[in-house]
PDB file of N, CA and C in Angstrom:
ATOM      1  N   MET A   1      78.441  26.655  92.839  1.00  0.00           N
ATOM      2  CA  MET A   1      78.499  27.580  91.719  1.00  0.00           C
ATOM      3  C   MET A   1      78.512  29.015  92.223  1.00  0.00           C
ATOM      4  N   LYS A   2      77.591  29.335  93.159  1.00  0.00           N
ATOM      5  CA  LYS A   2      77.541  30.680  93.706  1.00  0.00           C
ATOM      6  C   LYS A   2      78.839  31.027  94.420  1.00  0.00           C
ATOM      7  N   ARG A   3      79.400  30.043  95.083  1.00  0.00           N
ATOM      8  CA  ARG A   3      80.629  30.262  95.837  1.00  0.00           C
ATOM      9  C   ARG A   3      81.794  30.599  94.903  1.00  0.00           C
ATOM     10  N   SER A   4      81.892  29.894  93.766  1.00  0.00           N
ATOM     11  CA  SER A   4      82.982  30.161  92.835  1.00  0.00           C
ATOM     12  C   SER A   4      82.782  31.501  92.139  1.00  0.00           C
ATOM     13  N   ILE A   5      81.549  31.891  91.879  1.00  0.00           N
ATOM     14  CA  ILE A   5      81.295  33.209  91.285  1.00  0.00           C
ATOM     15  C   ILE A   5      81.653  34.295  92.286  1.00  0.00           C
ATOM     16  N   GLY A   6      81.264  34.102  93.539  1.00  0.00           N
ATOM     17  CA  GLY A   6      81.603  35.071  94.592  1.00  0.00           C
ATOM     18  C   GLY A   6      83.108  35.190  94.753  1.00  0.00           C
ATOM     19  N   ALA A   7      83.797  34.066  94.733  1.00  0.00           N
ATOM     20  CA  ALA A   7      85.255  34.076  94.863  1.00  0.00           C
ATOM     21  C   ALA A   7      85.894  34.792  93.680  1.00  0.00           C
ATOM     22  N   ALA A   8      85.360  34.573  92.483  1.00  0.00           N
ATOM     23  CA  ALA A   8      85.895  35.238  91.284  1.00  0.00           C
ATOM     24  C   ALA A   8      85.687  36.737  91.368  1.00  0.00           C
ATOM     25  N   ILE A   9      84.527  37.158  91.837  1.00  0.00           N
ATOM     26  CA  ILE A   9      84.250  38.595  91.979  1.00  0.00           C
ATOM     27  C   ILE A   9      85.181  39.207  93.022  1.00  0.00           C
ATOM     28  N   LEU A  10      85.339  38.544  94.155  1.00  0.00           N
ATOM     29  CA  LEU A  10      86.230  39.034  95.201  1.00  0.00           C
ATOM     30  C   LEU A  10      87.661  39.128  94.686  1.00  0.00           C
ATOM     31  N   PHE A  11      88.133  38.102  94.009  1.00  0.00           N
ATOM     32  CA  PHE A  11      89.482  38.107  93.462  1.00  0.00           C
ATOM     33  C   PHE A  11      89.663  39.248  92.473  1.00  0.00           C
ATOM     34  N   SER A  12      88.696  39.436  91.593  1.00  0.00           N
ATOM     35  CA  SER A  12      88.770  40.514  90.594  1.00  0.00           C
ATOM     36  C   SER A  12      88.794  41.874  91.260  1.00  0.00           C
ATOM     37  N   THR A  13      87.977  42.045  92.295  1.00  0.00           N
ATOM     38  CA  THR A  13      87.935  43.316  93.020  1.00  0.00           C
ATOM     39  C   THR A  13      89.265  43.588  93.694  1.00  0.00           C
ATOM     40  N   LEU A  14      89.797  42.593  94.397  1.00  0.00           N
ATOM     41  CA  LEU A  14      91.086  42.769  95.064  1.00  0.00           C
ATOM     42  C   LEU A  14      92.196  43.026  94.055  1.00  0.00           C
ATOM     43  N   LEU A  15      92.165  42.328  92.940  1.00  0.00           N
ATOM     44  CA  LEU A  15      93.161  42.530  91.906  1.00  0.00           C
ATOM     45  C   LEU A  15      93.072  43.947  91.369  1.00  0.00           C
ATOM     46  N   GLY A  16      91.861  44.435  91.191  1.00  0.00           N
ATOM     47  CA  GLY A  16      91.656  45.805  90.704  1.00  0.00           C
ATOM     48  C   GLY A  16      92.189  46.827  91.683  1.00  0.00           C
ATOM     49  N   PHE A  17      91.914  46.653  92.989  1.00  0.00           N
ATOM     50  CA  PHE A  17      92.416  47.579  93.995  1.00  0.00           C
ATOM     51  C   PHE A  17      93.932  47.553  94.057  1.00  0.00           C
ATOM     52  N   THR A  18      94.505  46.371  93.995  1.00  0.00           N
ATOM     53  CA  THR A  18      95.956  46.253  94.040  1.00  0.00           C
ATOM     54  C   THR A  18      96.580  46.915  92.829  1.00  0.00           C
ATOM     55  N   ALA A  19      96.000  46.709  91.682  1.00  0.00           N
ATOM     56  CA  ALA A  19      96.536  47.304  90.466  1.00  0.00           C
ATOM     57  C   ALA A  19      96.465  48.825  90.537  1.00  0.00           C
ATOM     58  N   CYS A  20      95.368  49.368  91.031  1.00  0.00           N
ATOM     59  CA  CYS A  20      95.227  50.817  91.137  1.00  0.00           C
ATOM     60  C   CYS A  20      96.218  51.380  92.141  1.00  0.00           C
ATOM     61  N   LYS A  21      96.335  50.739  93.280  1.00  0.00           N
ATOM     62  CA  LYS A  21      97.192  51.242  94.333  1.00  0.00           C
ATOM     63  C   LYS A  21      98.664  51.209  93.924  1.00  0.00           C
ATOM     64  N   SER A  22      99.087  50.180  93.214  1.00  0.00           N
ATOM     65  CA  SER A  22     100.491  50.052  92.868  1.00  0.00           C
ATOM     66  C   SER A  22     100.923  51.049  91.793  1.00  0.00           C
ATOM     67  N   LYS A  23      99.969  51.660  91.107  1.00  0.00           N
ATOM     68  CA  LYS A  23     100.312  52.603  90.058  1.00  0.00           C
ATOM     69  C   LYS A  23     100.534  54.016  90.573  1.00  0.00           C
ATOM     70  N   LYS A  24     100.361  54.253  91.867  1.00  0.00           N
ATOM     71  CA  LYS A  24     100.497  55.600  92.403  1.00  0.00           C
ATOM     72  C   LYS A  24     101.978  55.967  92.515  1.00  0.00           C
ATOM     73  N   VAL A  25     102.444  56.685  91.530  1.00  0.00           N
ATOM     74  CA  VAL A  25     103.810  57.168  91.522  1.00  0.00           C
ATOM     75  C   VAL A  25     103.740  58.653  91.199  1.00  0.00           C
ATOM     76  N   VAL A  26     104.206  59.471  92.116  1.00  0.00           N
ATOM     77  CA  VAL A  26     104.177  60.907  91.906  1.00  0.00           C
ATOM     78  C   VAL A  26     105.595  61.363  91.586  1.00  0.00           C
ATOM     79  N   THR A  27     105.764  61.851  90.366  1.00  0.00           N
ATOM     80  CA  THR A  27     107.099  62.276  89.963  1.00  0.00           C
ATOM     81  C   THR A  27     107.201  63.775  89.758  1.00  0.00           C
ATOM     82  N   THR A  28     106.068  64.421  89.558  1.00  0.00           N
ATOM     83  CA  THR A  28     106.094  65.871  89.364  1.00  0.00           C
ATOM     84  C   THR A  28     104.952  66.514  90.123  1.00  0.00           C
ATOM     85  N   GLU A  29     105.090  67.798  90.354  1.00  0.00           N
ATOM     86  CA  GLU A  29     104.047  68.546  91.045  1.00  0.00           C
ATOM     87  C   GLU A  29     102.752  68.513  90.242  1.00  0.00           C
ATOM     88  N   THR A  30     102.840  68.504  88.943  1.00  0.00           N
ATOM     89  CA  THR A  30     101.660  68.486  88.080  1.00  0.00           C
ATOM     90  C   THR A  30     100.818  67.253  88.348  1.00  0.00           C
ATOM     91  N   LYS A  31     101.447  66.094  88.507  1.00  0.00           N
ATOM     92  CA  LYS A  31     100.698  64.861  88.762  1.00  0.00           C
ATOM     93  C   LYS A  31      99.988  64.929  90.108  1.00  0.00           C
ATOM     94  N   VAL A  32     100.607  65.525  91.123  1.00  0.00           N
ATOM     95  CA  VAL A  32      99.975  65.654  92.428  1.00  0.00           C
ATOM     96  C   VAL A  32      98.731  66.519  92.307  1.00  0.00           C
ATOM     97  N   ILE A  33      98.823  67.614  91.600  1.00  0.00           N
ATOM     98  CA  ILE A  33      97.681  68.503  91.410  1.00  0.00           C
ATOM     99  C   ILE A  33      96.566  67.787  90.663  1.00  0.00           C
ATOM    100  N   GLU A  34      96.912  67.044  89.611  1.00  0.00           N
ATOM    101  CA  GLU A  34      95.896  66.304  88.861  1.00  0.00           C
ATOM    102  C   GLU A  34      95.206  65.298  89.764  1.00  0.00           C
ATOM    103  N   LYS A  35      95.941  64.589  90.607  1.00  0.00           N
ATOM    104  CA  LYS A  35      95.358  63.608  91.523  1.00  0.00           C
ATOM    105  C   LYS A  35      94.442  64.304  92.520  1.00  0.00           C
ATOM    106  N   GLN A  36      94.873  65.454  93.031  1.00  0.00           N
ATOM    107  CA  GLN A  36      94.072  66.192  93.994  1.00  0.00           C
ATOM    108  C   GLN A  36      92.761  66.637  93.363  1.00  0.00           C
ATOM    109  N   GLU A  37      92.806  67.150  92.149  1.00  0.00           N
ATOM    110  CA  GLU A  37      91.591  67.584  91.473  1.00  0.00           C
ATOM    111  C   GLU A  37      90.628  66.418  91.273  1.00  0.00           C
ATOM    112  N   THR A  38      91.169  65.255  90.972  1.00  0.00           N
ATOM    113  CA  THR A  38      90.336  64.069  90.789  1.00  0.00           C
ATOM    114  C   THR A  38      89.642  63.706  92.093  1.00  0.00           C
ATOM    115  N   THR A  39      90.375  63.739  93.205  1.00  0.00           N
ATOM    116  CA  THR A  39      89.801  63.395  94.496  1.00  0.00           C
ATOM    117  C   THR A  39      88.755  64.421  94.908  1.00  0.00           C
ATOM    118  N   GLU A  40      89.072  65.701  94.755  1.00  0.00           N
ATOM    119  CA  GLU A  40      88.132  66.739  95.144  1.00  0.00           C
ATOM    120  C   GLU A  40      86.873  66.690  94.291  1.00  0.00           C
ATOM    121  N   ALA A  41      86.996  66.319  93.043  1.00  0.00           N
ATOM    122  CA  ALA A  41      85.840  66.266  92.159  1.00  0.00           C
ATOM    123  C   ALA A  41      84.838  65.224  92.640  1.00  0.00           C
ATOM    124  N   THR A  42      85.286  64.233  93.397  1.00  0.00           N
ATOM    125  CA  THR A  42      84.383  63.199  93.879  1.00  0.00           C
ATOM    126  C   THR A  42      83.790  63.551  95.239  1.00  0.00           C
ATOM    127  N   MET A  43      84.156  64.694  95.793  1.00  0.00           N
ATOM    128  CA  MET A  43      83.639  65.104  97.099  1.00  0.00           C
ATOM    129  C   MET A  43      82.976  66.463  96.959  1.00  0.00           C
ATOM    130  N   SER A  44      81.701  66.523  97.223  1.00  0.00           N
ATOM    131  CA  SER A  44      80.961  67.777  97.071  1.00  0.00           C
ATOM    132  C   SER A  44      81.378  68.775  98.153  1.00  0.00           C
ATOM    133  N   SER A  45      81.060  70.016  97.915  1.00  0.00           N
ATOM    134  CA  SER A  45      81.392  71.048  98.906  1.00  0.00           C
ATOM    135  C   SER A  45      80.612  70.805 100.208  1.00  0.00           C
ATOM    136  N   ALA A  46      79.404  70.257 100.107  1.00  0.00           N
ATOM    137  CA  ALA A  46      78.630  69.932 101.308  1.00  0.00           C
ATOM    138  C   ALA A  46      79.317  68.825 102.110  1.00  0.00           C
ATOM    139  N   ASP A  47      79.847  67.805 101.404  1.00  0.00           N
ATOM    140  CA  ASP A  47      80.570  66.726 102.088  1.00  0.00           C
ATOM    141  C   ASP A  47      81.873  67.242 102.695  1.00  0.00           C
ATOM    142  N   MET A  48      82.532  68.149 101.975  1.00  0.00           N
ATOM    143  CA  MET A  48      83.763  68.749 102.512  1.00  0.00           C
ATOM    144  C   MET A  48      83.438  69.500 103.807  1.00  0.00           C
ATOM    145  N   ALA A  49      82.362  70.271 103.795  1.00  0.00           N
ATOM    146  CA  ALA A  49      81.970  71.039 104.978  1.00  0.00           C
ATOM    147  C   ALA A  49      81.607  70.109 106.134  1.00  0.00           C
ATOM    148  N   GLU A  50      80.887  69.020 105.831  1.00  0.00           N
ATOM    149  CA  GLU A  50      80.522  68.060 106.877  1.00  0.00           C
ATOM    150  C   GLU A  50      81.765  67.413 107.479  1.00  0.00           C
ATOM    151  N   ALA A  51      82.695  67.003 106.631  1.00  0.00           N
ATOM    152  CA  ALA A  51      83.922  66.358 107.113  1.00  0.00           C
ATOM    153  C   ALA A  51      84.763  67.330 107.927  1.00  0.00           C
ATOM    154  N   LYS A  52      84.839  68.563 107.493  1.00  0.00           N
ATOM    155  CA  LYS A  52      85.587  69.588 108.240  1.00  0.00           C
ATOM    156  C   LYS A  52      84.965  69.775 109.617  1.00  0.00           C
ATOM    157  N   SER A  53      83.641  69.809 109.668  1.00  0.00           N
ATOM    158  CA  SER A  53      82.942  69.955 110.945  1.00  0.00           C
ATOM    159  C   SER A  53      83.225  68.769 111.868  1.00  0.00           C
ATOM    160  N   ILE A  54      83.202  67.568 111.321  1.00  0.00           N
ATOM    161  CA  ILE A  54      83.515  66.376 112.120  1.00  0.00           C
ATOM    162  C   ILE A  54      84.927  66.484 112.671  1.00  0.00           C
ATOM    163  N   TYR A  55      85.868  66.871 111.810  1.00  0.00           N
ATOM    164  CA  TYR A  55      87.263  66.992 112.228  1.00  0.00           C
ATOM    165  C   TYR A  55      87.403  68.025 113.341  1.00  0.00           C
ATOM    166  N   GLU A  56      86.753  69.168 113.155  1.00  0.00           N
ATOM    167  CA  GLU A  56      86.900  70.261 114.121  1.00  0.00           C
ATOM    168  C   GLU A  56      86.161  70.005 115.429  1.00  0.00           C
ATOM    169  N   THR A  57      85.088  69.236 115.405  1.00  0.00           N
ATOM    170  CA  THR A  57      84.313  69.033 116.632  1.00  0.00           C
ATOM    171  C   THR A  57      84.596  67.698 117.318  1.00  0.00           C
ATOM    172  N   LYS A  58      84.714  66.638 116.556  1.00  0.00           N
ATOM    173  CA  LYS A  58      84.892  65.307 117.160  1.00  0.00           C
ATOM    174  C   LYS A  58      86.362  65.013 117.469  1.00  0.00           C
ATOM    175  N   CYS A  59      87.239  65.279 116.513  1.00  0.00           N
ATOM    176  CA  CYS A  59      88.657  64.914 116.679  1.00  0.00           C
ATOM    177  C   CYS A  59      89.338  65.770 117.751  1.00  0.00           C
ATOM    178  N   THR A  60      88.916  67.021 117.834  1.00  0.00           N
ATOM    179  CA  THR A  60      89.572  67.923 118.786  1.00  0.00           C
ATOM    180  C   THR A  60      89.104  67.717 120.223  1.00  0.00           C
ATOM    181  N   LYS A  61      88.172  66.812 120.437  1.00  0.00           N
ATOM    182  CA  LYS A  61      87.784  66.493 121.823  1.00  0.00           C
ATOM    183  C   LYS A  61      88.926  65.766 122.539  1.00  0.00           C
ATOM    184  N   CYS A  62      89.762  65.064 121.774  1.00  0.00           N
ATOM    185  CA  CYS A  62      90.856  64.294 122.368  1.00  0.00           C
ATOM    186  C   CYS A  62      92.233  64.919 122.128  1.00  0.00           C
ATOM    187  N   HIS A  63      92.387  65.640 121.016  1.00  0.00           N
ATOM    188  CA  HIS A  63      93.694  66.210 120.705  1.00  0.00           C
ATOM    189  C   HIS A  63      93.523  67.454 119.837  1.00  0.00           C
ATOM    190  N   ALA A  64      94.583  68.254 119.756  1.00  0.00           N
ATOM    191  CA  ALA A  64      94.562  69.453 118.912  1.00  0.00           C
ATOM    192  C   ALA A  64      94.493  69.045 117.446  1.00  0.00           C
ATOM    193  N   MET A  65      94.013  69.961 116.608  1.00  0.00           N
ATOM    194  CA  MET A  65      93.978  69.683 115.171  1.00  0.00           C
ATOM    195  C   MET A  65      95.411  69.481 114.681  1.00  0.00           C
ATOM    196  N   LYS A  66      95.590  68.467 113.900  1.00  0.00           N
ATOM    197  CA  LYS A  66      96.913  68.128 113.363  1.00  0.00           C
ATOM    198  C   LYS A  66      97.114  68.783 112.007  1.00  0.00           C
ATOM    199  N   ASP A  67      98.366  69.067 111.680  1.00  0.00           N
ATOM    200  CA  ASP A  67      98.713  69.531 110.336  1.00  0.00           C
ATOM    201  C   ASP A  67      98.811  68.287 109.472  1.00  0.00           C
ATOM    202  N   VAL A  68      97.745  67.991 108.744  1.00  0.00           N
ATOM    203  CA  VAL A  68      97.698  66.739 107.994  1.00  0.00           C
ATOM    204  C   VAL A  68      98.649  66.720 106.810  1.00  0.00           C
ATOM    205  N   SER A  69      99.229  67.858 106.465  1.00  0.00           N
ATOM    206  CA  SER A  69     100.204  67.852 105.367  1.00  0.00           C
ATOM    207  C   SER A  69     101.460  67.075 105.758  1.00  0.00           C
ATOM    208  N   ASN A  70     101.595  66.769 107.046  1.00  0.00           N
ATOM    209  CA  ASN A  70     102.730  65.980 107.520  1.00  0.00           C
ATOM    210  C   ASN A  70     102.501  64.477 107.365  1.00  0.00           C
ATOM    211  N   TYR A  71     101.321  64.086 106.868  1.00  0.00           N
ATOM    212  CA  TYR A  71     100.968  62.679 106.756  1.00  0.00           C
ATOM    213  C   TYR A  71     100.733  62.288 105.301  1.00  0.00           C
ATOM    214  N   THR A  72     101.099  61.056 104.978  1.00  0.00           N
ATOM    215  CA  THR A  72     100.820  60.523 103.649  1.00  0.00           C
ATOM    216  C   THR A  72      99.412  59.931 103.646  1.00  0.00           C
ATOM    217  N   GLU A  73      98.910  59.649 102.465  1.00  0.00           N
ATOM    218  CA  GLU A  73      97.593  59.025 102.349  1.00  0.00           C
ATOM    219  C   GLU A  73      97.589  57.662 103.043  1.00  0.00           C
ATOM    220  N   GLU A  74      98.671  56.921 102.910  1.00  0.00           N
ATOM    221  CA  GLU A  74      98.760  55.603 103.541  1.00  0.00           C
ATOM    222  C   GLU A  74      98.706  55.731 105.065  1.00  0.00           C
ATOM    223  N   GLN A  75      99.403  56.734 105.609  1.00  0.00           N
ATOM    224  CA  GLN A  75      99.382  56.942 107.052  1.00  0.00           C
ATOM    225  C   GLN A  75      97.970  57.306 107.525  1.00  0.00           C
ATOM    226  N   LEU A  76      97.310  58.189 106.777  1.00  0.00           N
ATOM    227  CA  LEU A  76      95.950  58.586 107.142  1.00  0.00           C
ATOM    228  C   LEU A  76      95.000  57.392 107.061  1.00  0.00           C
ATOM    229  N   ASN A  77      95.188  56.526 106.061  1.00  0.00           N
ATOM    230  CA  ASN A  77      94.353  55.326 105.933  1.00  0.00           C
ATOM    231  C   ASN A  77      94.529  54.392 107.126  1.00  0.00           C
ATOM    232  N   SER A  78      95.649  54.476 107.785  1.00  0.00           N
ATOM    233  CA  SER A  78      95.897  53.662 108.965  1.00  0.00           C
ATOM    234  C   SER A  78      95.414  54.362 110.239  1.00  0.00           C
ATOM    235  N   ILE A  79      95.655  55.654 110.341  1.00  0.00           N
ATOM    236  CA  ILE A  79      95.370  56.413 111.565  1.00  0.00           C
ATOM    237  C   ILE A  79      93.875  56.666 111.764  1.00  0.00           C
ATOM    238  N   VAL A  80      93.201  57.144 110.734  1.00  0.00           N
ATOM    239  CA  VAL A  80      91.804  57.582 110.878  1.00  0.00           C
ATOM    240  C   VAL A  80      90.888  56.457 111.385  1.00  0.00           C
ATOM    241  N   PRO A  81      90.925  55.262 110.803  1.00  0.00           N
ATOM    242  CA  PRO A  81      90.050  54.203 111.338  1.00  0.00           C
ATOM    243  C   PRO A  81      90.328  53.884 112.815  1.00  0.00           C
ATOM    244  N   LYS A  82      91.594  53.940 113.222  1.00  0.00           N
ATOM    245  CA  LYS A  82      91.929  53.678 114.626  1.00  0.00           C
ATOM    246  C   LYS A  82      91.349  54.765 115.523  1.00  0.00           C
ATOM    247  N   MET A  83      91.489  56.018 115.108  1.00  0.00           N
ATOM    248  CA  MET A  83      90.967  57.127 115.899  1.00  0.00           C
ATOM    249  C   MET A  83      89.443  57.062 115.994  1.00  0.00           C
ATOM    250  N   VAL A  84      88.781  56.779 114.874  1.00  0.00           N
ATOM    251  CA  VAL A  84      87.318  56.670 114.878  1.00  0.00           C
ATOM    252  C   VAL A  84      86.898  55.517 115.788  1.00  0.00           C
ATOM    253  N   GLY A  85      87.637  54.432 115.755  1.00  0.00           N
ATOM    254  CA  GLY A  85      87.349  53.304 116.639  1.00  0.00           C
ATOM    255  C   GLY A  85      87.435  53.696 118.104  1.00  0.00           C
ATOM    256  N   MET A  86      88.415  54.521 118.439  1.00  0.00           N
ATOM    257  CA  MET A  86      88.552  54.981 119.819  1.00  0.00           C
ATOM    258  C   MET A  86      87.388  55.901 120.198  1.00  0.00           C
ATOM    259  N   VAL A  87      87.010  56.778 119.276  1.00  0.00           N
ATOM    260  CA  VAL A  87      85.886  57.688 119.524  1.00  0.00           C
ATOM    261  C   VAL A  87      84.599  56.895 119.722  1.00  0.00           C
ATOM    262  N   ASN A  88      84.419  55.855 118.934  1.00  0.00           N
ATOM    263  CA  ASN A  88      83.191  55.058 118.955  1.00  0.00           C
ATOM    264  C   ASN A  88      83.227  53.909 119.966  1.00  0.00           C
ATOM    265  N   LYS A  89      84.204  53.901 120.842  1.00  0.00           N
ATOM    266  CA  LYS A  89      84.379  52.771 121.758  1.00  0.00           C
ATOM    267  C   LYS A  89      83.113  52.462 122.568  1.00  0.00           C
ATOM    268  N   ASN A  90      82.472  53.462 123.110  1.00  0.00           N
ATOM    269  CA  ASN A  90      81.293  53.236 123.952  1.00  0.00           C
ATOM    270  C   ASN A  90      79.978  53.489 123.230  1.00  0.00           C
ATOM    271  N   GLU A  91      79.990  54.355 122.243  1.00  0.00           N
ATOM    272  CA  GLU A  91      78.801  54.607 121.437  1.00  0.00           C
ATOM    273  C   GLU A  91      79.237  55.166 120.089  1.00  0.00           C
ATOM    274  N   VAL A  92      78.420  54.954 119.077  1.00  0.00           N
ATOM    275  CA  VAL A  92      78.774  55.392 117.732  1.00  0.00           C
ATOM    276  C   VAL A  92      78.547  56.902 117.622  1.00  0.00           C
ATOM    277  N   LEU A  93      79.642  57.632 117.509  1.00  0.00           N
ATOM    278  CA  LEU A  93      79.579  59.078 117.334  1.00  0.00           C
ATOM    279  C   LEU A  93      79.916  59.475 115.900  1.00  0.00           C
ATOM    280  N   ILE A  94      80.676  58.610 115.241  1.00  0.00           N
ATOM    281  CA  ILE A  94      81.041  58.831 113.838  1.00  0.00           C
ATOM    282  C   ILE A  94      80.670  57.546 113.095  1.00  0.00           C
ATOM    283  N   ASN A  95      79.683  57.636 112.202  1.00  0.00           N
ATOM    284  CA  ASN A  95      79.260  56.438 111.475  1.00  0.00           C
ATOM    285  C   ASN A  95      80.200  56.160 110.297  1.00  0.00           C
ATOM    286  N   ASP A  96      79.995  55.056 109.606  1.00  0.00           N
ATOM    287  CA  ASP A  96      80.891  54.654 108.522  1.00  0.00           C
ATOM    288  C   ASP A  96      80.916  55.667 107.383  1.00  0.00           C
ATOM    289  N   GLY A  97      79.770  56.241 107.055  1.00  0.00           N
ATOM    290  CA  GLY A  97      79.721  57.255 105.996  1.00  0.00           C
ATOM    291  C   GLY A  97      80.511  58.493 106.378  1.00  0.00           C
ATOM    292  N   GLN A  98      80.377  58.911 107.622  1.00  0.00           N
ATOM    293  CA  GLN A  98      81.121  60.069 108.106  1.00  0.00           C
ATOM    294  C   GLN A  98      82.621  59.775 108.152  1.00  0.00           C
ATOM    295  N   LYS A  99      82.955  58.547 108.540  1.00  0.00           N
ATOM    296  CA  LYS A  99      84.370  58.157 108.583  1.00  0.00           C
ATOM    297  C   LYS A  99      84.984  58.234 107.188  1.00  0.00           C
ATOM    298  N   ALA A 100      84.254  57.759 106.188  1.00  0.00           N
ATOM    299  CA  ALA A 100      84.754  57.801 104.809  1.00  0.00           C
ATOM    300  C   ALA A 100      84.945  59.243 104.347  1.00  0.00           C
ATOM    301  N   LYS A 101      83.987  60.104 104.657  1.00  0.00           N
ATOM    302  CA  LYS A 101      84.103  61.519 104.281  1.00  0.00           C
ATOM    303  C   LYS A 101      85.271  62.177 105.002  1.00  0.00           C
ATOM    304  N   LEU A 102      85.416  61.879 106.282  1.00  0.00           N
ATOM    305  CA  LEU A 102      86.507  62.441 107.074  1.00  0.00           C
ATOM    306  C   LEU A 102      87.857  62.033 106.495  1.00  0.00           C
ATOM    307  N   LEU A 103      87.998  60.764 106.186  1.00  0.00           N
ATOM    308  CA  LEU A 103      89.254  60.274 105.617  1.00  0.00           C
ATOM    309  C   LEU A 103      89.545  60.941 104.285  1.00  0.00           C
ATOM    310  N   GLN A 104      88.555  61.031 103.427  1.00  0.00           N
ATOM    311  CA  GLN A 104      88.746  61.662 102.122  1.00  0.00           C
ATOM    312  C   GLN A 104      89.106  63.137 102.287  1.00  0.00           C
ATOM    313  N   TYR A 105      88.444  63.813 103.194  1.00  0.00           N
ATOM    314  CA  TYR A 105      88.730  65.227 103.476  1.00  0.00           C
ATOM    315  C   TYR A 105      90.182  65.397 103.931  1.00  0.00           C
ATOM    316  N   LEU A 106      90.619  64.560 104.856  1.00  0.00           N
ATOM    317  CA  LEU A 106      91.987  64.680 105.374  1.00  0.00           C
ATOM    318  C   LEU A 106      93.029  64.360 104.300  1.00  0.00           C
ATOM    319  N   VAL A 107      92.738  63.410 103.424  1.00  0.00           N
ATOM    320  CA  VAL A 107      93.651  63.102 102.323  1.00  0.00           C
ATOM    321  C   VAL A 107      93.766  64.303 101.407  1.00  0.00           C
ATOM    322  N   ILE A 108      92.641  64.924 101.076  1.00  0.00           N
ATOM    323  CA  ILE A 108      92.658  66.121 100.236  1.00  0.00           C
ATOM    324  C   ILE A 108      93.475  67.216 100.900  1.00  0.00           C
ATOM    325  N   LYS A 109      93.229  67.443 102.177  1.00  0.00           N
ATOM    326  CA  LYS A 109      93.941  68.502 102.901  1.00  0.00           C
ATOM    327  C   LYS A 109      95.426  68.195 103.019  1.00  0.00           C
ATOM    328  N   SER A 110      95.785  66.912 103.073  1.00  0.00           N
ATOM    329  CA  SER A 110      97.198  66.550 103.200  1.00  0.00           C
ATOM    330  C   SER A 110      97.985  66.895 101.937  1.00  0.00           C
ATOM    331  N   ARG A 111      97.281  67.061 100.827  1.00  0.00           N
ATOM    332  CA  ARG A 111      97.938  67.364  99.558  1.00  0.00           C
ATOM    333  C   ARG A 111      98.050  68.860  99.287  1.00  0.00           C
ATOM    334  N   GLU A 112      97.455  69.662 100.131  1.00  0.00           N
ATOM    335  CA  GLU A 112      97.493  71.111  99.910  1.00  0.00           C
ATOM    336  C   GLU A 112      98.795  71.714 100.353  1.00  0.00           C
TER     337      GLU A 112
END
């Protein structure tokens, strides 16, 4: 019984994520701005500052700061976890919470 409830919850969650992701269609500049405001509203200025600091101090140890406006959200969702994994190869320097903030920060910056 617990297994079928867990499976139903997992299926519903995945279905919800898929449904949300497939609806992302940007046809006008206005929609991009509205999406950006929504994302920024979920990230406090303190979290933005923390993520910026992580980007400027941790990421630049291996490479120069990138112009993230050249990347899509999907590309950043693929790149950032790989980079954090490389940084954390021998010891955890960026924890999961910081990784999430960093990714969200870079997505916001990519839309500017």
